[in-house]
Amino acid sequence: MAGVSENAVMDALGQVRDPDRGKDIVSLGMVQGLVIRDGNIGFSIEVDPERGPGFEPVRKAAEDYAKGVSDGRVTEAHEYQDALGFVRSARSILRSLSAAEKAKHQAVLAEISGDLDSLAVAWPSVVPPGRVDADASLLYGTAARIEIASLKLH
């Protein structure tokens, strides 16, 4: 992750819109505490407490991936695999929705599913390879997009 700047992370997060408020999460001041240190990226997205639970699986995956992958190399296999498990859990949650829920929220669920699909590059295999073509910023950005999209489900 060498060379990732605060501006690059904020620019990426600036593409994520809060559907209820119609603006991006950066300009709304939802992104707080951005830190880039030793190849790791950290930040929080501040939301109302009742909106928080839907954001958890992919955010947790991003945290674990950041612990397990550094500068494109898998450094902690169990964190790499834990992160994959959280993404699979998010997919399982989507699959478990009732037919009525799926029909009611078809567009939003397609958006979330597409975001989950975009993470495939982060796990080329279940067994950690020596190198991967992704870093935690991909997961953090995707987690933010999924978090915002999930707001449309309420």
N, C-alpha and C. Protein backbone atom coordinates (compact mmCIF):
# COMPACT_ATOMS: atom_id res chain seq x y z
N MET A 1 0.81 -1.17 0.00
CA MET A 1 0.00 0.00 0.00
C MET A 1 0.86 1.25 0.00
N ALA A 2 2.12 1.08 -0.25
CA ALA A 2 3.02 2.21 -0.29
C ALA A 2 2.53 3.21 -1.32
N GLY A 3 2.59 4.47 -0.97
CA GLY A 3 2.22 5.51 -1.90
C GLY A 3 0.75 5.91 -1.85
N VAL A 4 -0.08 5.25 -1.04
CA VAL A 4 -1.47 5.66 -0.91
C VAL A 4 -1.51 6.91 -0.06
N SER A 5 -2.15 7.94 -0.59
CA SER A 5 -2.20 9.21 0.13
C SER A 5 -3.58 9.42 0.76
N GLU A 6 -3.61 10.31 1.73
CA GLU A 6 -4.88 10.67 2.36
C GLU A 6 -5.84 11.22 1.32
N ASN A 7 -5.32 12.04 0.41
CA ASN A 7 -6.17 12.61 -0.64
C ASN A 7 -6.77 11.52 -1.52
N ALA A 8 -5.97 10.49 -1.86
CA ALA A 8 -6.48 9.40 -2.70
C ALA A 8 -7.60 8.64 -2.00
N VAL A 9 -7.43 8.37 -0.71
CA VAL A 9 -8.47 7.66 0.05
C VAL A 9 -9.73 8.53 0.14
N MET A 10 -9.56 9.81 0.46
CA MET A 10 -10.72 10.69 0.57
C MET A 10 -11.41 10.88 -0.78
N ASP A 11 -10.63 10.93 -1.86
CA ASP A 11 -11.23 11.03 -3.20
C ASP A 11 -12.07 9.79 -3.49
N ALA A 12 -11.55 8.61 -3.13
CA ALA A 12 -12.31 7.37 -3.35
C ALA A 12 -13.59 7.37 -2.52
N LEU A 13 -13.48 7.76 -1.26
CA LEU A 13 -14.66 7.80 -0.40
C LEU A 13 -15.63 8.89 -0.82
N GLY A 14 -15.12 9.91 -1.50
CA GLY A 14 -15.98 10.97 -1.99
C GLY A 14 -16.93 10.52 -3.08
N GLN A 15 -16.71 9.33 -3.61
CA GLN A 15 -17.61 8.77 -4.63
C GLN A 15 -18.81 8.05 -4.01
N VAL A 16 -18.76 7.89 -2.69
CA VAL A 16 -19.82 7.17 -1.98
C VAL A 16 -20.87 8.17 -1.51
N ARG A 17 -22.11 7.95 -1.93
CA ARG A 17 -23.19 8.88 -1.61
C ARG A 17 -24.10 8.30 -0.54
N ASP A 18 -24.56 9.15 0.34
CA ASP A 18 -25.59 8.79 1.31
C ASP A 18 -26.92 9.00 0.61
N PRO A 19 -27.66 7.92 0.33
CA PRO A 19 -28.89 8.06 -0.45
C PRO A 19 -29.97 8.88 0.25
N ASP A 20 -29.96 8.87 1.57
CA ASP A 20 -30.98 9.63 2.29
C ASP A 20 -30.72 11.13 2.25
N ARG A 21 -29.46 11.50 2.15
CA ARG A 21 -29.10 12.92 2.21
C ARG A 21 -28.65 13.47 0.88
N GLY A 22 -28.39 12.59 -0.10
CA GLY A 22 -28.11 13.04 -1.46
C GLY A 22 -26.74 13.62 -1.71
N LYS A 23 -25.83 13.49 -0.77
CA LYS A 23 -24.47 14.00 -0.94
C LYS A 23 -23.48 12.90 -0.61
N ASP A 24 -22.21 13.15 -0.95
CA ASP A 24 -21.19 12.14 -0.66
C ASP A 24 -20.84 12.16 0.82
N ILE A 25 -20.33 11.02 1.31
CA ILE A 25 -20.06 10.88 2.74
C ILE A 25 -18.91 11.74 3.23
N VAL A 26 -18.03 12.16 2.32
CA VAL A 26 -16.93 13.04 2.73
C VAL A 26 -17.46 14.44 2.99
N SER A 27 -18.21 14.99 2.03
CA SER A 27 -18.72 16.36 2.21
C SER A 27 -19.73 16.45 3.35
N LEU A 28 -20.38 15.33 3.66
CA LEU A 28 -21.32 15.30 4.79
C LEU A 28 -20.60 15.18 6.13
N GLY A 29 -19.29 14.99 6.10
CA GLY A 29 -18.52 14.87 7.34
C GLY A 29 -18.67 13.54 8.02
N MET A 30 -19.10 12.51 7.29
CA MET A 30 -19.30 11.20 7.89
C MET A 30 -17.99 10.43 8.07
N VAL A 31 -16.96 10.77 7.29
CA VAL A 31 -15.67 10.08 7.39
C VAL A 31 -14.84 10.80 8.45
N GLN A 32 -14.42 10.05 9.44
CA GLN A 32 -13.67 10.63 10.55
C GLN A 32 -12.41 9.82 10.84
N GLY A 33 -11.40 10.47 11.33
CA GLY A 33 -10.21 9.81 11.86
C GLY A 33 -9.38 9.05 10.86
N LEU A 34 -9.27 9.55 9.63
CA LEU A 34 -8.46 8.85 8.62
C LEU A 34 -7.00 8.83 9.05
N VAL A 35 -6.43 7.62 9.04
CA VAL A 35 -5.02 7.44 9.39
C VAL A 35 -4.40 6.48 8.38
N ILE A 36 -3.24 6.85 7.86
CA ILE A 36 -2.46 5.96 7.01
C ILE A 36 -1.10 5.81 7.68
N ARG A 37 -0.81 4.57 8.10
CA ARG A 37 0.43 4.36 8.84
C ARG A 37 0.92 2.94 8.61
N ASP A 38 2.18 2.83 8.29
CA ASP A 38 2.83 1.52 8.13
C ASP A 38 2.06 0.61 7.17
N GLY A 39 1.59 1.17 6.06
CA GLY A 39 0.90 0.38 5.06
C GLY A 39 -0.55 0.07 5.40
N ASN A 40 -1.08 0.67 6.45
CA ASN A 40 -2.46 0.43 6.86
C ASN A 40 -3.28 1.71 6.74
N ILE A 41 -4.57 1.54 6.43
CA ILE A 41 -5.50 2.65 6.34
C ILE A 41 -6.58 2.41 7.38
N GLY A 42 -6.92 3.44 8.12
CA GLY A 42 -8.01 3.33 9.07
C GLY A 42 -8.86 4.59 9.04
N PHE A 43 -10.14 4.43 9.22
CA PHE A 43 -11.06 5.55 9.34
C PHE A 43 -12.38 5.02 9.89
N SER A 44 -13.24 5.91 10.29
CA SER A 44 -14.58 5.50 10.70
C SER A 44 -15.60 6.28 9.89
N ILE A 45 -16.76 5.68 9.75
CA ILE A 45 -17.88 6.34 9.11
C ILE A 45 -18.93 6.52 10.19
N GLU A 46 -19.23 7.75 10.51
CA GLU A 46 -20.18 8.03 11.57
C GLU A 46 -21.59 8.01 11.01
N VAL A 47 -22.42 7.17 11.62
CA VAL A 47 -23.82 7.06 11.24
C VAL A 47 -24.66 7.05 12.51
N ASP A 48 -25.94 7.31 12.35
CA ASP A 48 -26.85 7.20 13.49
C ASP A 48 -26.80 5.76 14.00
N PRO A 49 -26.87 5.55 15.31
CA PRO A 49 -26.75 4.21 15.88
C PRO A 49 -27.69 3.17 15.27
N GLU A 50 -28.92 3.56 14.96
CA GLU A 50 -29.86 2.58 14.41
C GLU A 50 -29.50 2.15 12.99
N ARG A 51 -28.60 2.89 12.33
CA ARG A 51 -28.19 2.54 10.98
C ARG A 51 -26.94 1.66 10.98
N GLY A 52 -26.31 1.48 12.11
CA GLY A 52 -25.03 0.80 12.19
C GLY A 52 -24.98 -0.69 11.91
N PRO A 53 -25.92 -1.51 12.40
CA PRO A 53 -25.78 -2.96 12.25
C PRO A 53 -25.64 -3.47 10.82
N GLY A 54 -26.26 -2.83 9.88
CA GLY A 54 -26.17 -3.29 8.49
C GLY A 54 -24.81 -3.09 7.88
N PHE A 55 -23.96 -2.31 8.53
CA PHE A 55 -22.67 -1.98 7.98
C PHE A 55 -21.56 -2.94 8.39
N GLU A 56 -21.84 -3.82 9.30
CA GLU A 56 -20.80 -4.56 9.99
C GLU A 56 -20.00 -5.59 9.19
N PRO A 57 -20.57 -6.54 8.45
CA PRO A 57 -19.75 -7.61 7.89
C PRO A 57 -18.61 -7.16 6.97
N VAL A 58 -18.89 -6.27 6.04
CA VAL A 58 -17.84 -5.88 5.10
C VAL A 58 -16.83 -4.95 5.77
N ARG A 59 -17.29 -4.12 6.71
CA ARG A 59 -16.35 -3.28 7.46
C ARG A 59 -15.37 -4.17 8.23
N LYS A 60 -15.87 -5.22 8.84
CA LYS A 60 -15.01 -6.15 9.58
C LYS A 60 -14.05 -6.86 8.63
N ALA A 61 -14.53 -7.20 7.44
CA ALA A 61 -13.65 -7.82 6.45
C ALA A 61 -12.51 -6.88 6.08
N ALA A 62 -12.82 -5.60 5.93
CA ALA A 62 -11.77 -4.64 5.59
C ALA A 62 -10.72 -4.57 6.69
N GLU A 63 -11.17 -4.57 7.93
CA GLU A 63 -10.21 -4.52 9.04
C GLU A 63 -9.30 -5.75 9.05
N ASP A 64 -9.89 -6.92 8.88
CA ASP A 64 -9.08 -8.15 8.89
C ASP A 64 -8.14 -8.21 7.69
N TYR A 65 -8.63 -7.77 6.54
CA TYR A 65 -7.78 -7.78 5.34
C TYR A 65 -6.60 -6.83 5.54
N ALA A 66 -6.84 -5.69 6.15
CA ALA A 66 -5.76 -4.73 6.41
C ALA A 66 -4.70 -5.34 7.33
N LYS A 67 -5.13 -6.18 8.26
CA LYS A 67 -4.19 -6.85 9.16
C LYS A 67 -3.42 -7.96 8.45
N GLY A 68 -4.06 -8.60 7.47
CA GLY A 68 -3.47 -9.78 6.84
C GLY A 68 -2.70 -9.53 5.57
N VAL A 69 -2.87 -8.35 4.96
CA VAL A 69 -2.21 -8.04 3.70
C VAL A 69 -1.49 -6.72 3.83
N SER A 70 -0.22 -6.71 3.49
CA SER A 70 0.59 -5.49 3.56
C SER A 70 1.40 -5.37 2.28
N ASP A 71 1.28 -4.24 1.62
CA ASP A 71 2.02 -3.96 0.38
C ASP A 71 1.87 -5.09 -0.64
N GLY A 72 0.64 -5.62 -0.76
CA GLY A 72 0.36 -6.64 -1.75
C GLY A 72 0.77 -8.05 -1.37
N ARG A 73 1.32 -8.23 -0.19
CA ARG A 73 1.75 -9.55 0.26
C ARG A 73 0.87 -10.01 1.42
N VAL A 74 0.49 -11.28 1.38
CA VAL A 74 -0.28 -11.86 2.48
C VAL A 74 0.71 -12.12 3.62
N THR A 75 0.52 -11.41 4.72
CA THR A 75 1.43 -11.52 5.86
C THR A 75 0.84 -12.33 7.01
N GLU A 76 -0.49 -12.39 7.08
CA GLU A 76 -1.16 -13.18 8.11
C GLU A 76 -2.32 -13.92 7.46
N ALA A 77 -2.08 -15.20 7.19
CA ALA A 77 -3.06 -16.01 6.45
C ALA A 77 -4.42 -16.05 7.14
N HIS A 78 -4.44 -16.17 8.45
CA HIS A 78 -5.73 -16.29 9.14
C HIS A 78 -6.56 -15.01 9.01
N GLU A 79 -5.92 -13.84 9.00
CA GLU A 79 -6.66 -12.58 8.84
C GLU A 79 -7.21 -12.49 7.41
N TYR A 80 -6.39 -12.89 6.44
CA TYR A 80 -6.80 -12.92 5.04
C TYR A 80 -8.05 -13.80 4.90
N GLN A 81 -8.01 -14.99 5.51
CA GLN A 81 -9.13 -15.92 5.41
C GLN A 81 -10.33 -15.45 6.23
N ASP A 82 -10.10 -14.83 7.39
CA ASP A 82 -11.21 -14.28 8.17
C ASP A 82 -11.95 -13.22 7.37
N ALA A 83 -11.20 -12.38 6.69
CA ALA A 83 -11.82 -11.32 5.88
C ALA A 83 -12.71 -11.93 4.80
N LEU A 84 -12.24 -12.98 4.16
CA LEU A 84 -13.05 -13.67 3.16
C LEU A 84 -14.32 -14.21 3.80
N GLY A 85 -14.21 -14.74 4.99
CA GLY A 85 -15.38 -15.26 5.70
C GLY A 85 -16.43 -14.19 5.95
N PHE A 86 -16.00 -12.99 6.30
CA PHE A 86 -16.96 -11.91 6.52
C PHE A 86 -17.67 -11.51 5.22
N VAL A 87 -16.94 -11.50 4.12
CA VAL A 87 -17.57 -11.18 2.84
C VAL A 87 -18.57 -12.28 2.47
N ARG A 88 -18.19 -13.52 2.71
CA ARG A 88 -19.13 -14.62 2.45
C ARG A 88 -20.36 -14.53 3.35
N SER A 89 -20.18 -14.07 4.58
CA SER A 89 -21.31 -13.87 5.48
C SER A 89 -22.26 -12.80 4.94
N ALA A 90 -21.68 -11.74 4.40
CA ALA A 90 -22.51 -10.69 3.81
C ALA A 90 -23.34 -11.25 2.65
N ARG A 91 -22.71 -12.10 1.82
CA ARG A 91 -23.45 -12.74 0.71
C ARG A 91 -24.57 -13.62 1.26
N SER A 92 -24.28 -14.34 2.32
CA SER A 92 -25.27 -15.22 2.93
C SER A 92 -26.47 -14.43 3.44
N ILE A 93 -26.21 -13.27 4.01
CA ILE A 93 -27.30 -12.41 4.49
C ILE A 93 -28.19 -12.01 3.31
N LEU A 94 -27.59 -11.67 2.18
CA LEU A 94 -28.38 -11.30 1.00
C LEU A 94 -29.23 -12.48 0.54
N ARG A 95 -28.63 -13.68 0.52
CA ARG A 95 -29.36 -14.86 0.07
C ARG A 95 -30.51 -15.22 1.01
N SER A 96 -30.38 -14.88 2.28
CA SER A 96 -31.38 -15.27 3.27
C SER A 96 -32.62 -14.36 3.29
N LEU A 97 -32.59 -13.29 2.54
CA LEU A 97 -33.74 -12.39 2.51
C LEU A 97 -34.94 -13.10 1.89
N SER A 98 -36.11 -12.74 2.35
CA SER A 98 -37.33 -13.34 1.80
C SER A 98 -37.54 -12.88 0.36
N ALA A 99 -38.35 -13.62 -0.37
CA ALA A 99 -38.66 -13.26 -1.76
C ALA A 99 -39.28 -11.87 -1.82
N ALA A 100 -40.13 -11.57 -0.85
CA ALA A 100 -40.78 -10.25 -0.83
C ALA A 100 -39.74 -9.14 -0.63
N GLU A 101 -38.79 -9.36 0.28
CA GLU A 101 -37.74 -8.36 0.51
C GLU A 101 -36.88 -8.20 -0.74
N LYS A 102 -36.55 -9.31 -1.38
CA LYS A 102 -35.74 -9.26 -2.60
C LYS A 102 -36.47 -8.49 -3.69
N ALA A 103 -37.75 -8.71 -3.83
CA ALA A 103 -38.52 -8.01 -4.86
C ALA A 103 -38.64 -6.52 -4.54
N LYS A 104 -38.87 -6.21 -3.29
CA LYS A 104 -39.05 -4.81 -2.86
C LYS A 104 -37.78 -3.99 -3.06
N HIS A 105 -36.63 -4.61 -2.83
CA HIS A 105 -35.35 -3.89 -2.84
C HIS A 105 -34.42 -4.39 -3.95
N GLN A 106 -34.97 -4.82 -5.05
CA GLN A 106 -34.18 -5.45 -6.11
C GLN A 106 -33.00 -4.59 -6.56
N ALA A 107 -33.22 -3.32 -6.82
CA ALA A 107 -32.14 -2.46 -7.32
C ALA A 107 -31.03 -2.29 -6.29
N VAL A 108 -31.39 -2.07 -5.04
CA VAL A 108 -30.39 -1.89 -3.99
C VAL A 108 -29.61 -3.18 -3.78
N LEU A 109 -30.30 -4.31 -3.75
CA LEU A 109 -29.62 -5.59 -3.55
C LEU A 109 -28.69 -5.92 -4.72
N ALA A 110 -29.08 -5.53 -5.93
CA ALA A 110 -28.19 -5.72 -7.08
C ALA A 110 -26.94 -4.86 -6.94
N GLU A 111 -27.12 -3.64 -6.43
CA GLU A 111 -25.98 -2.74 -6.20
C GLU A 111 -25.03 -3.34 -5.17
N ILE A 112 -25.58 -3.82 -4.07
CA ILE A 112 -24.75 -4.42 -3.01
C ILE A 112 -24.07 -5.68 -3.53
N SER A 113 -24.78 -6.51 -4.25
CA SER A 113 -24.20 -7.73 -4.81
C SER A 113 -23.05 -7.40 -5.76
N GLY A 114 -23.24 -6.39 -6.58
CA GLY A 114 -22.17 -5.95 -7.49
C GLY A 114 -20.95 -5.47 -6.73
N ASP A 115 -21.18 -4.75 -5.63
CA ASP A 115 -20.06 -4.31 -4.80
C ASP A 115 -19.32 -5.51 -4.22
N LEU A 116 -20.06 -6.50 -3.75
CA LEU A 116 -19.42 -7.72 -3.23
C LEU A 116 -18.64 -8.43 -4.34
N ASP A 117 -19.21 -8.48 -5.54
CA ASP A 117 -18.51 -9.09 -6.68
C ASP A 117 -17.17 -8.40 -6.96
N SER A 118 -17.13 -7.07 -6.76
CA SER A 118 -15.90 -6.33 -7.05
C SER A 118 -14.76 -6.71 -6.13
N LEU A 119 -15.07 -7.39 -5.05
CA LEU A 119 -14.03 -7.79 -4.08
C LEU A 119 -13.32 -9.09 -4.46
N ALA A 120 -13.76 -9.75 -5.52
CA ALA A 120 -13.16 -11.04 -5.90
C ALA A 120 -11.65 -10.94 -6.08
N VAL A 121 -11.17 -9.82 -6.56
CA VAL A 121 -9.74 -9.64 -6.78
C VAL A 121 -8.95 -9.75 -5.47
N ALA A 122 -9.59 -9.48 -4.35
CA ALA A 122 -8.90 -9.51 -3.06
C ALA A 122 -8.59 -10.92 -2.60
N TRP A 123 -9.36 -11.90 -3.10
CA TRP A 123 -9.16 -13.30 -2.71
C TRP A 123 -9.08 -14.16 -3.96
N PRO A 124 -7.91 -14.22 -4.59
CA PRO A 124 -7.79 -15.07 -5.78
C PRO A 124 -7.95 -16.55 -5.44
N SER A 125 -7.78 -16.90 -4.18
CA SER A 125 -7.99 -18.28 -3.72
C SER A 125 -8.21 -18.27 -2.23
N VAL A 126 -8.80 -19.35 -1.72
CA VAL A 126 -9.00 -19.47 -0.28
C VAL A 126 -7.65 -19.63 0.41
N VAL A 127 -6.77 -20.39 -0.22
CA VAL A 127 -5.42 -20.55 0.31
C VAL A 127 -4.65 -19.29 -0.06
N PRO A 128 -4.11 -18.58 0.91
CA PRO A 128 -3.45 -17.31 0.62
C PRO A 128 -2.27 -17.47 -0.35
N PRO A 129 -2.31 -16.70 -1.44
CA PRO A 129 -1.17 -16.69 -2.35
C PRO A 129 -0.07 -15.81 -1.77
N GLY A 130 1.07 -15.80 -2.41
CA GLY A 130 2.16 -14.93 -1.94
C GLY A 130 1.81 -13.46 -2.10
N ARG A 131 1.17 -13.11 -3.23
CA ARG A 131 0.80 -11.72 -3.51
C ARG A 131 -0.66 -11.64 -3.93
N VAL A 132 -1.26 -10.50 -3.67
CA VAL A 132 -2.62 -10.22 -4.12
C VAL A 132 -2.65 -8.86 -4.80
N ASP A 133 -3.62 -8.68 -5.68
CA ASP A 133 -3.72 -7.43 -6.43
C ASP A 133 -4.70 -6.46 -5.81
N ALA A 134 -4.82 -6.48 -4.51
CA ALA A 134 -5.74 -5.57 -3.82
C ALA A 134 -5.12 -5.17 -2.49
N ASP A 135 -5.65 -4.10 -1.92
CA ASP A 135 -5.27 -3.73 -0.56
C ASP A 135 -6.53 -3.37 0.20
N ALA A 136 -6.37 -3.09 1.45
CA ALA A 136 -7.54 -2.85 2.31
C ALA A 136 -8.36 -1.65 1.87
N SER A 137 -7.77 -0.71 1.16
CA SER A 137 -8.54 0.46 0.73
C SER A 137 -9.69 0.05 -0.18
N LEU A 138 -9.50 -1.01 -0.98
CA LEU A 138 -10.58 -1.52 -1.82
C LEU A 138 -11.75 -1.97 -0.95
N LEU A 139 -11.45 -2.69 0.11
CA LEU A 139 -12.50 -3.19 1.00
C LEU A 139 -13.15 -2.07 1.79
N TYR A 140 -12.35 -1.11 2.26
CA TYR A 140 -12.93 0.00 3.01
C TYR A 140 -13.87 0.81 2.12
N GLY A 141 -13.45 1.07 0.90
CA GLY A 141 -14.32 1.80 -0.02
C GLY A 141 -15.59 1.04 -0.34
N THR A 142 -15.45 -0.27 -0.57
CA THR A 142 -16.61 -1.11 -0.86
C THR A 142 -17.52 -1.18 0.36
N ALA A 143 -16.94 -1.32 1.54
CA ALA A 143 -17.74 -1.35 2.77
C ALA A 143 -18.56 -0.06 2.90
N ALA A 144 -17.94 1.05 2.60
CA ALA A 144 -18.65 2.33 2.69
C ALA A 144 -19.79 2.38 1.69
N ARG A 145 -19.55 1.92 0.46
CA ARG A 145 -20.62 1.92 -0.55
C ARG A 145 -21.77 1.01 -0.13
N ILE A 146 -21.43 -0.16 0.42
CA ILE A 146 -22.48 -1.09 0.87
C ILE A 146 -23.24 -0.51 2.05
N GLU A 147 -22.52 0.12 2.96
CA GLU A 147 -23.17 0.74 4.10
C GLU A 147 -24.17 1.79 3.65
N ILE A 148 -23.76 2.61 2.71
CA ILE A 148 -24.65 3.67 2.22
C ILE A 148 -25.83 3.04 1.46
N ALA A 149 -25.55 2.07 0.60
CA ALA A 149 -26.64 1.43 -0.16
C ALA A 149 -27.63 0.76 0.77
N SER A 150 -27.15 0.17 1.87
CA SER A 150 -28.05 -0.53 2.78
C SER A 150 -29.02 0.42 3.48
N LEU A 151 -28.67 1.69 3.50
CA LEU A 151 -29.59 2.67 4.10
C LEU A 151 -30.91 2.72 3.34
N LYS A 152 -30.87 2.38 2.06
CA LYS A 152 -32.09 2.39 1.24
C LYS A 152 -33.03 1.24 1.60
N LEU A 153 -32.54 0.29 2.38
CA LEU A 153 -33.36 -0.87 2.72
C LEU A 153 -34.31 -0.59 3.87
N HIS A 154 -34.14 0.52 4.53
CA HIS A 154 -34.98 0.82 5.72
C HIS A 154 -36.17 1.67 5.35
